[in-house]
Amino acid sequence: MVSTSTRNFPNRLGDGANVYLASAELAAVAAVEGRLPTVDEYRRYMGEFDAMAAEIYRYMNFHEIEEYQNAASSVIPITQEA
C-alpha cells in the first residue's frame, strides 16, 4: 500500500498491510506501475512531470486561475461584529 497520509501505524490500512508513506508524485507513479517503481522508472516519470509542472501544479496558485478568480469575485464577504 502506498499512502500520502501524514500518519502511519500498524494495521492502519488493514490487517497486515505494508504501508509506504510517499509523496503525491511517487504515489501517482506507483498507481500507474501497480508497484513501487525502480529509481530509474521514478526518474523517468519525474522528467515527464517536470516538463508538465506548470499545468500539474497550477492548482496551488488559485489566485492565478481565471475560473477561481471569477468564483471568488461573486462571494460576499462576511463582516465581523465587534
PDB file of N, CA and C in Angstrom:
ATOM      1  N   MET A   1       0.851  -1.167   0.000  1.00  0.00           N
ATOM      2  CA  MET A   1       0.000   0.000   0.000  1.00  0.00           C
ATOM      3  C   MET A   1       0.893   1.226   0.000  1.00  0.00           C
ATOM      4  N   VAL A   2       0.606   2.162  -0.879  1.00  0.00           N
ATOM      5  CA  VAL A   2       1.302   3.442  -0.912  1.00  0.00           C
ATOM      6  C   VAL A   2       0.303   4.498  -0.457  1.00  0.00           C
ATOM      7  N   SER A   3       0.697   5.305   0.493  1.00  0.00           N
ATOM      8  CA  SER A   3      -0.204   6.300   1.065  1.00  0.00           C
ATOM      9  C   SER A   3       0.473   7.661   1.123  1.00  0.00           C
ATOM     10  N   THR A   4      -0.313   8.705   0.911  1.00  0.00           N
ATOM     11  CA  THR A   4       0.197  10.069   1.066  1.00  0.00           C
ATOM     12  C   THR A   4      -0.205  10.652   2.416  1.00  0.00           C
ATOM     13  N   SER A   5      -0.718   9.797   3.282  1.00  0.00           N
ATOM     14  CA  SER A   5      -1.144  10.226   4.613  1.00  0.00           C
ATOM     15  C   SER A   5       0.040  10.726   5.423  1.00  0.00           C
ATOM     16  N   THR A   6      -0.245  11.543   6.407  1.00  0.00           N
ATOM     17  CA  THR A   6       0.814  12.025   7.294  1.00  0.00           C
ATOM     18  C   THR A   6       0.941  11.156   8.538  1.00  0.00           C
ATOM     19  N   ARG A   7       0.115  10.116   8.612  1.00  0.00           N
ATOM     20  CA  ARG A   7       0.158   9.244   9.785  1.00  0.00           C
ATOM     21  C   ARG A   7       0.268   7.796   9.351  1.00  0.00           C
ATOM     22  N   ASN A   8       1.023   7.057  10.115  1.00  0.00           N
ATOM     23  CA  ASN A   8       1.166   5.638   9.831  1.00  0.00           C
ATOM     24  C   ASN A   8       1.357   4.898  11.141  1.00  0.00           C
ATOM     25  N   PHE A   9       0.662   3.804  11.298  1.00  0.00           N
ATOM     26  CA  PHE A   9       0.858   2.927  12.438  1.00  0.00           C
ATOM     27  C   PHE A   9       0.384   1.544  12.027  1.00  0.00           C
ATOM     28  N   PRO A  10       0.799   0.504  12.751  1.00  0.00           N
ATOM     29  CA  PRO A  10       0.467  -0.867  12.358  1.00  0.00           C
ATOM     30  C   PRO A  10      -1.031  -1.062  12.107  1.00  0.00           C
ATOM     31  N   ASN A  11      -1.337  -1.706  11.010  1.00  0.00           N
ATOM     32  CA  ASN A  11      -2.700  -2.081  10.611  1.00  0.00           C
ATOM     33  C   ASN A  11      -3.622  -0.894  10.319  1.00  0.00           C
ATOM     34  N   ARG A  12      -3.072   0.289  10.148  1.00  0.00           N
ATOM     35  CA  ARG A  12      -3.899   1.470   9.862  1.00  0.00           C
ATOM     36  C   ARG A  12      -4.731   1.285   8.605  1.00  0.00           C
ATOM     37  N   LEU A  13      -4.170   0.645   7.606  1.00  0.00           N
ATOM     38  CA  LEU A  13      -4.884   0.468   6.344  1.00  0.00           C
ATOM     39  C   LEU A  13      -5.237  -0.995   6.085  1.00  0.00           C
ATOM     40  N   GLY A  14      -5.386  -1.759   7.162  1.00  0.00           N
ATOM     41  CA  GLY A  14      -5.800  -3.152   7.029  1.00  0.00           C
ATOM     42  C   GLY A  14      -4.859  -4.089   7.758  1.00  0.00           C
ATOM     43  N   ASP A  15      -5.392  -5.213   8.192  1.00  0.00           N
ATOM     44  CA  ASP A  15      -4.586  -6.196   8.914  1.00  0.00           C
ATOM     45  C   ASP A  15      -3.413  -6.655   8.070  1.00  0.00           C
ATOM     46  N   GLY A  16      -2.220  -6.497   8.599  1.00  0.00           N
ATOM     47  CA  GLY A  16      -1.012  -6.969   7.935  1.00  0.00           C
ATOM     48  C   GLY A  16      -0.577  -6.145   6.739  1.00  0.00           C
ATOM     49  N   ALA A  17      -1.189  -4.987   6.520  1.00  0.00           N
ATOM     50  CA  ALA A  17      -0.843  -4.162   5.361  1.00  0.00           C
ATOM     51  C   ALA A  17       0.542  -3.542   5.539  1.00  0.00           C
ATOM     52  N   ASN A  18       1.343  -3.648   4.490  1.00  0.00           N
ATOM     53  CA  ASN A  18       2.618  -2.942   4.448  1.00  0.00           C
ATOM     54  C   ASN A  18       2.349  -1.584   3.823  1.00  0.00           C
ATOM     55  N   VAL A  19       2.560  -0.528   4.594  1.00  0.00           N
ATOM     56  CA  VAL A  19       2.228   0.811   4.128  1.00  0.00           C
ATOM     57  C   VAL A  19       3.513   1.604   3.932  1.00  0.00           C
ATOM     58  N   TYR A  20       3.622   2.206   2.759  1.00  0.00           N
ATOM     59  CA  TYR A  20       4.755   3.058   2.442  1.00  0.00           C
ATOM     60  C   TYR A  20       4.232   4.477   2.310  1.00  0.00           C
ATOM     61  N   LEU A  21       4.747   5.383   3.137  1.00  0.00           N
ATOM     62  CA  LEU A  21       4.357   6.784   3.048  1.00  0.00           C
ATOM     63  C   LEU A  21       5.148   7.410   1.902  1.00  0.00           C
ATOM     64  N   ALA A  22       4.460   8.169   1.057  1.00  0.00           N
ATOM     65  CA  ALA A  22       5.111   8.678  -0.149  1.00  0.00           C
ATOM     66  C   ALA A  22       4.572  10.051  -0.516  1.00  0.00           C
ATOM     67  N   SER A  23       5.312  10.714  -1.372  1.00  0.00           N
ATOM     68  CA  SER A  23       4.845  11.983  -1.932  1.00  0.00           C
ATOM     69  C   SER A  23       3.711  11.695  -2.911  1.00  0.00           C
ATOM     70  N   ALA A  24       2.993  12.724  -3.272  1.00  0.00           N
ATOM     71  CA  ALA A  24       1.918  12.568  -4.256  1.00  0.00           C
ATOM     72  C   ALA A  24       2.479  12.062  -5.582  1.00  0.00           C
ATOM     73  N   GLU A  25       3.662  12.541  -5.947  1.00  0.00           N
ATOM     74  CA  GLU A  25       4.281  12.115  -7.207  1.00  0.00           C
ATOM     75  C   GLU A  25       4.615  10.630  -7.180  1.00  0.00           C
ATOM     76  N   LEU A  26       5.227  10.159  -6.093  1.00  0.00           N
ATOM     77  CA  LEU A  26       5.573   8.744  -6.002  1.00  0.00           C
ATOM     78  C   LEU A  26       4.317   7.885  -5.957  1.00  0.00           C
ATOM     79  N   ALA A  27       3.296   8.339  -5.263  1.00  0.00           N
ATOM     80  CA  ALA A  27       2.038   7.588  -5.218  1.00  0.00           C
ATOM     81  C   ALA A  27       1.426   7.476  -6.610  1.00  0.00           C
ATOM     82  N   ALA A  28       1.504   8.548  -7.396  1.00  0.00           N
ATOM     83  CA  ALA A  28       0.966   8.517  -8.760  1.00  0.00           C
ATOM     84  C   ALA A  28       1.736   7.527  -9.626  1.00  0.00           C
ATOM     85  N   VAL A  29       3.056   7.536  -9.526  1.00  0.00           N
ATOM     86  CA  VAL A  29       3.873   6.600 -10.304  1.00  0.00           C
ATOM     87  C   VAL A  29       3.573   5.165  -9.881  1.00  0.00           C
ATOM     88  N   ALA A  30       3.467   4.925  -8.585  1.00  0.00           N
ATOM     89  CA  ALA A  30       3.149   3.582  -8.087  1.00  0.00           C
ATOM     90  C   ALA A  30       1.780   3.125  -8.590  1.00  0.00           C
ATOM     91  N   ALA A  31       0.826   4.051  -8.670  1.00  0.00           N
ATOM     92  CA  ALA A  31      -0.506   3.699  -9.166  1.00  0.00           C
ATOM     93  C   ALA A  31      -0.453   3.292 -10.630  1.00  0.00           C
ATOM     94  N   VAL A  32       0.327   4.013 -11.420  1.00  0.00           N
ATOM     95  CA  VAL A  32       0.450   3.689 -12.843  1.00  0.00           C
ATOM     96  C   VAL A  32       1.164   2.355 -13.029  1.00  0.00           C
ATOM     97  N   GLU A  33       2.236   2.139 -12.276  1.00  0.00           N
ATOM     98  CA  GLU A  33       3.033   0.918 -12.406  1.00  0.00           C
ATOM     99  C   GLU A  33       2.396  -0.289 -11.708  1.00  0.00           C
ATOM    100  N   GLY A  34       1.552  -0.018 -10.712  1.00  0.00           N
ATOM    101  CA  GLY A  34       0.963  -1.117  -9.946  1.00  0.00           C
ATOM    102  C   GLY A  34       1.914  -1.691  -8.916  1.00  0.00           C
ATOM    103  N   ARG A  35       2.980  -0.967  -8.651  1.00  0.00           N
ATOM    104  CA  ARG A  35       4.001  -1.380  -7.684  1.00  0.00           C
ATOM    105  C   ARG A  35       4.917  -0.182  -7.440  1.00  0.00           C
ATOM    106  N   LEU A  36       5.776  -0.307  -6.436  1.00  0.00           N
ATOM    107  CA  LEU A  36       6.770   0.747  -6.238  1.00  0.00           C
ATOM    108  C   LEU A  36       7.737   0.726  -7.424  1.00  0.00           C
ATOM    109  N   PRO A  37       8.032   1.878  -7.991  1.00  0.00           N
ATOM    110  CA  PRO A  37       8.923   1.919  -9.151  1.00  0.00           C
ATOM    111  C   PRO A  37      10.391   1.782  -8.751  1.00  0.00           C
ATOM    112  N   THR A  38      11.213   1.419  -9.732  1.00  0.00           N
ATOM    113  CA  THR A  38      12.654   1.459  -9.519  1.00  0.00           C
ATOM    114  C   THR A  38      13.072   2.927  -9.538  1.00  0.00           C
ATOM    115  N   VAL A  39      14.286   3.204  -9.133  1.00  0.00           N
ATOM    116  CA  VAL A  39      14.785   4.582  -9.152  1.00  0.00           C
ATOM    117  C   VAL A  39      14.764   5.124 -10.576  1.00  0.00           C
ATOM    118  N   ASP A  40      15.202   4.316 -11.541  1.00  0.00           N
ATOM    119  CA  ASP A  40      15.209   4.768 -12.935  1.00  0.00           C
ATOM    120  C   ASP A  40      13.808   5.057 -13.450  1.00  0.00           C
ATOM    121  N   GLU A  41      12.830   4.206 -13.109  1.00  0.00           N
ATOM    122  CA  GLU A  41      11.445   4.444 -13.517  1.00  0.00           C
ATOM    123  C   GLU A  41      10.923   5.740 -12.906  1.00  0.00           C
ATOM    124  N   TYR A  42      11.192   5.910 -11.618  1.00  0.00           N
ATOM    125  CA  TYR A  42      10.748   7.124 -10.930  1.00  0.00           C
ATOM    126  C   TYR A  42      11.333   8.365 -11.605  1.00  0.00           C
ATOM    127  N   ARG A  43      12.611   8.333 -11.895  1.00  0.00           N
ATOM    128  CA  ARG A  43      13.267   9.482 -12.533  1.00  0.00           C
ATOM    129  C   ARG A  43      12.684   9.750 -13.925  1.00  0.00           C
ATOM    130  N   ARG A  44      12.363   8.702 -14.663  1.00  0.00           N
ATOM    131  CA  ARG A  44      11.773   8.876 -15.985  1.00  0.00           C
ATOM    132  C   ARG A  44      10.419   9.583 -15.866  1.00  0.00           C
ATOM    133  N   TYR A  45       9.585   9.107 -14.954  1.00  0.00           N
ATOM    134  CA  TYR A  45       8.285   9.751 -14.746  1.00  0.00           C
ATOM    135  C   TYR A  45       8.460  11.187 -14.268  1.00  0.00           C
ATOM    136  N   MET A  46       9.386  11.397 -13.359  1.00  0.00           N
ATOM    137  CA  MET A  46       9.579  12.751 -12.835  1.00  0.00           C
ATOM    138  C   MET A  46      10.051  13.696 -13.929  1.00  0.00           C
ATOM    139  N   GLY A  47      10.802  13.205 -14.907  1.00  0.00           N
ATOM    140  CA  GLY A  47      11.177  14.026 -16.059  1.00  0.00           C
ATOM    141  C   GLY A  47       9.940  14.481 -16.809  1.00  0.00           C
ATOM    142  N   GLU A  48       8.961  13.559 -16.956  1.00  0.00           N
ATOM    143  CA  GLU A  48       7.697  13.912 -17.601  1.00  0.00           C
ATOM    144  C   GLU A  48       6.917  14.909 -16.740  1.00  0.00           C
ATOM    145  N   PHE A  49       6.901  14.682 -15.424  1.00  0.00           N
ATOM    146  CA  PHE A  49       6.206  15.610 -14.524  1.00  0.00           C
ATOM    147  C   PHE A  49       6.836  16.997 -14.610  1.00  0.00           C
ATOM    148  N   ASP A  50       8.169  17.040 -14.601  1.00  0.00           N
ATOM    149  CA  ASP A  50       8.858  18.331 -14.649  1.00  0.00           C
ATOM    150  C   ASP A  50       8.500  19.089 -15.915  1.00  0.00           C
ATOM    151  N   ALA A  51       8.367  18.370 -17.034  1.00  0.00           N
ATOM    152  CA  ALA A  51       8.028  19.013 -18.303  1.00  0.00           C
ATOM    153  C   ALA A  51       6.612  19.593 -18.264  1.00  0.00           C
ATOM    154  N   MET A  52       5.740  19.040 -17.437  1.00  0.00           N
ATOM    155  CA  MET A  52       4.350  19.493 -17.337  1.00  0.00           C
ATOM    156  C   MET A  52       4.073  20.203 -16.010  1.00  0.00           C
ATOM    157  N   ALA A  53       5.108  20.584 -15.301  1.00  0.00           N
ATOM    158  CA  ALA A  53       4.960  21.122 -13.939  1.00  0.00           C
ATOM    159  C   ALA A  53       4.010  22.314 -13.864  1.00  0.00           C
ATOM    160  N   ALA A  54       4.072  23.203 -14.830  1.00  0.00           N
ATOM    161  CA  ALA A  54       3.207  24.392 -14.777  1.00  0.00           C
ATOM    162  C   ALA A  54       1.735  24.000 -14.767  1.00  0.00           C
ATOM    163  N   GLU A  55       1.383  22.978 -15.518  1.00  0.00           N
ATOM    164  CA  GLU A  55      -0.015  22.535 -15.566  1.00  0.00           C
ATOM    165  C   GLU A  55      -0.363  21.662 -14.362  1.00  0.00           C
ATOM    166  N   ILE A  56       0.521  20.743 -13.992  1.00  0.00           N
ATOM    167  CA  ILE A  56       0.254  19.814 -12.886  1.00  0.00           C
ATOM    168  C   ILE A  56       0.058  20.562 -11.573  1.00  0.00           C
ATOM    169  N   TYR A  57       0.921  21.513 -11.307  1.00  0.00           N
ATOM    170  CA  TYR A  57       0.917  22.186 -10.009  1.00  0.00           C
ATOM    171  C   TYR A  57       0.156  23.512 -10.016  1.00  0.00           C
ATOM    172  N   ARG A  58      -0.564  23.819 -11.086  1.00  0.00           N
ATOM    173  CA  ARG A  58      -1.248  25.106 -11.163  1.00  0.00           C
ATOM    174  C   ARG A  58      -2.335  25.250 -10.110  1.00  0.00           C
ATOM    175  N   TYR A  59      -2.867  24.123  -9.637  1.00  0.00           N
ATOM    176  CA  TYR A  59      -3.914  24.199  -8.616  1.00  0.00           C
ATOM    177  C   TYR A  59      -3.424  24.875  -7.353  1.00  0.00           C
ATOM    178  N   MET A  60      -2.142  24.953  -7.173  1.00  0.00           N
ATOM    179  CA  MET A  60      -1.602  25.582  -5.970  1.00  0.00           C
ATOM    180  C   MET A  60      -1.650  27.107  -6.076  1.00  0.00           C
ATOM    181  N   ASN A  61      -1.930  27.602  -7.252  1.00  0.00           N
ATOM    182  CA  ASN A  61      -1.962  29.044  -7.483  1.00  0.00           C
ATOM    183  C   ASN A  61      -3.377  29.483  -7.862  1.00  0.00           C
ATOM    184  N   PHE A  62      -4.327  29.239  -6.956  1.00  0.00           N
ATOM    185  CA  PHE A  62      -5.722  29.567  -7.238  1.00  0.00           C
ATOM    186  C   PHE A  62      -5.891  31.017  -7.689  1.00  0.00           C
ATOM    187  N   HIS A  63      -5.139  31.909  -7.097  1.00  0.00           N
ATOM    188  CA  HIS A  63      -5.274  33.330  -7.409  1.00  0.00           C
ATOM    189  C   HIS A  63      -4.920  33.649  -8.858  1.00  0.00           C
ATOM    190  N   GLU A  64      -4.289  32.707  -9.560  1.00  0.00           N
ATOM    191  CA  GLU A  64      -3.901  32.930 -10.950  1.00  0.00           C
ATOM    192  C   GLU A  64      -4.841  32.244 -11.945  1.00  0.00           C
ATOM    193  N   ILE A  65      -5.808  31.484 -11.471  1.00  0.00           N
ATOM    194  CA  ILE A  65      -6.699  30.731 -12.354  1.00  0.00           C
ATOM    195  C   ILE A  65      -7.999  31.511 -12.532  1.00  0.00           C
ATOM    196  N   GLU A  66      -8.301  31.858 -13.774  1.00  0.00           N
ATOM    197  CA  GLU A  66      -9.455  32.717 -14.064  1.00  0.00           C
ATOM    198  C   GLU A  66     -10.760  32.148 -13.506  1.00  0.00           C
ATOM    199  N   GLU A  67     -10.959  30.860 -13.635  1.00  0.00           N
ATOM    200  CA  GLU A  67     -12.183  30.225 -13.131  1.00  0.00           C
ATOM    201  C   GLU A  67     -12.368  30.486 -11.635  1.00  0.00           C
ATOM    202  N   TYR A  68     -11.290  30.398 -10.870  1.00  0.00           N
ATOM    203  CA  TYR A  68     -11.363  30.632  -9.427  1.00  0.00           C
ATOM    204  C   TYR A  68     -11.487  32.122  -9.120  1.00  0.00           C
ATOM    205  N   GLN A  69     -10.840  32.950  -9.908  1.00  0.00           N
ATOM    206  CA  GLN A  69     -10.972  34.402  -9.725  1.00  0.00           C
ATOM    207  C   GLN A  69     -12.425  34.823  -9.911  1.00  0.00           C
ATOM    208  N   ASN A  70     -13.075  34.269 -10.945  1.00  0.00           N
ATOM    209  CA  ASN A  70     -14.480  34.594 -11.203  1.00  0.00           C
ATOM    210  C   ASN A  70     -15.367  34.135 -10.056  1.00  0.00           C
ATOM    211  N   ALA A  71     -15.136  32.922  -9.569  1.00  0.00           N
ATOM    212  CA  ALA A  71     -15.942  32.404  -8.453  1.00  0.00           C
ATOM    213  C   ALA A  71     -15.716  33.253  -7.201  1.00  0.00           C
ATOM    214  N   ALA A  72     -14.482  33.622  -6.938  1.00  0.00           N
ATOM    215  CA  ALA A  72     -14.167  34.402  -5.739  1.00  0.00           C
ATOM    216  C   ALA A  72     -14.774  35.797  -5.793  1.00  0.00           C
ATOM    217  N   SER A  73     -14.883  36.357  -6.999  1.00  0.00           N
ATOM    218  CA  SER A  73     -15.414  37.719  -7.107  1.00  0.00           C
ATOM    219  C   SER A  73     -16.902  37.788  -6.780  1.00  0.00           C
ATOM    220  N   SER A  74     -17.587  36.647  -6.822  1.00  0.00           N
ATOM    221  CA  SER A  74     -19.020  36.638  -6.524  1.00  0.00           C
ATOM    222  C   SER A  74     -19.329  36.313  -5.058  1.00  0.00           C
ATOM    223  N   VAL A  75     -18.311  36.100  -4.274  1.00  0.00           N
ATOM    224  CA  VAL A  75     -18.507  35.773  -2.857  1.00  0.00           C
ATOM    225  C   VAL A  75     -18.695  37.060  -2.065  1.00  0.00           C
ATOM    226  N   ILE A  76     -19.713  37.058  -1.232  1.00  0.00           N
ATOM    227  CA  ILE A  76     -19.973  38.217  -0.370  1.00  0.00           C
ATOM    228  C   ILE A  76     -19.187  38.033   0.919  1.00  0.00           C
ATOM    229  N   PRO A  77     -18.313  38.991   1.238  1.00  0.00           N
ATOM    230  CA  PRO A  77     -17.514  38.841   2.453  1.00  0.00           C
ATOM    231  C   PRO A  77     -18.364  38.829   3.717  1.00  0.00           C
ATOM    232  N   ILE A  78     -17.924  38.074   4.689  1.00  0.00           N
ATOM    233  CA  ILE A  78     -18.590  38.029   5.990  1.00  0.00           C
ATOM    234  C   ILE A  78     -18.015  39.151   6.843  1.00  0.00           C
ATOM    235  N   THR A  79     -18.894  39.946   7.412  1.00  0.00           N
ATOM    236  CA  THR A  79     -18.427  41.027   8.290  1.00  0.00           C
ATOM    237  C   THR A  79     -18.385  40.518   9.718  1.00  0.00           C
ATOM    238  N   GLN A  80     -17.396  40.983  10.440  1.00  0.00           N
ATOM    239  CA  GLN A  80     -17.248  40.583  11.835  1.00  0.00           C
ATOM    240  C   GLN A  80     -17.931  41.612  12.729  1.00  0.00           C
ATOM    241  N   GLU A  81     -18.655  41.098  13.714  1.00  0.00           N
ATOM    242  CA  GLU A  81     -19.264  42.002  14.674  1.00  0.00           C
ATOM    243  C   GLU A  81     -18.283  42.297  15.791  1.00  0.00           C
ATOM    244  N   ALA A  82     -18.324  43.527  16.296  1.00  0.00           N
ATOM    245  CA  ALA A  82     -17.395  43.932  17.365  1.00  0.00           C
ATOM    246  C   ALA A  82     -17.827  43.381  18.689  1.00  0.00           C
TER     247      ALA A  82
END
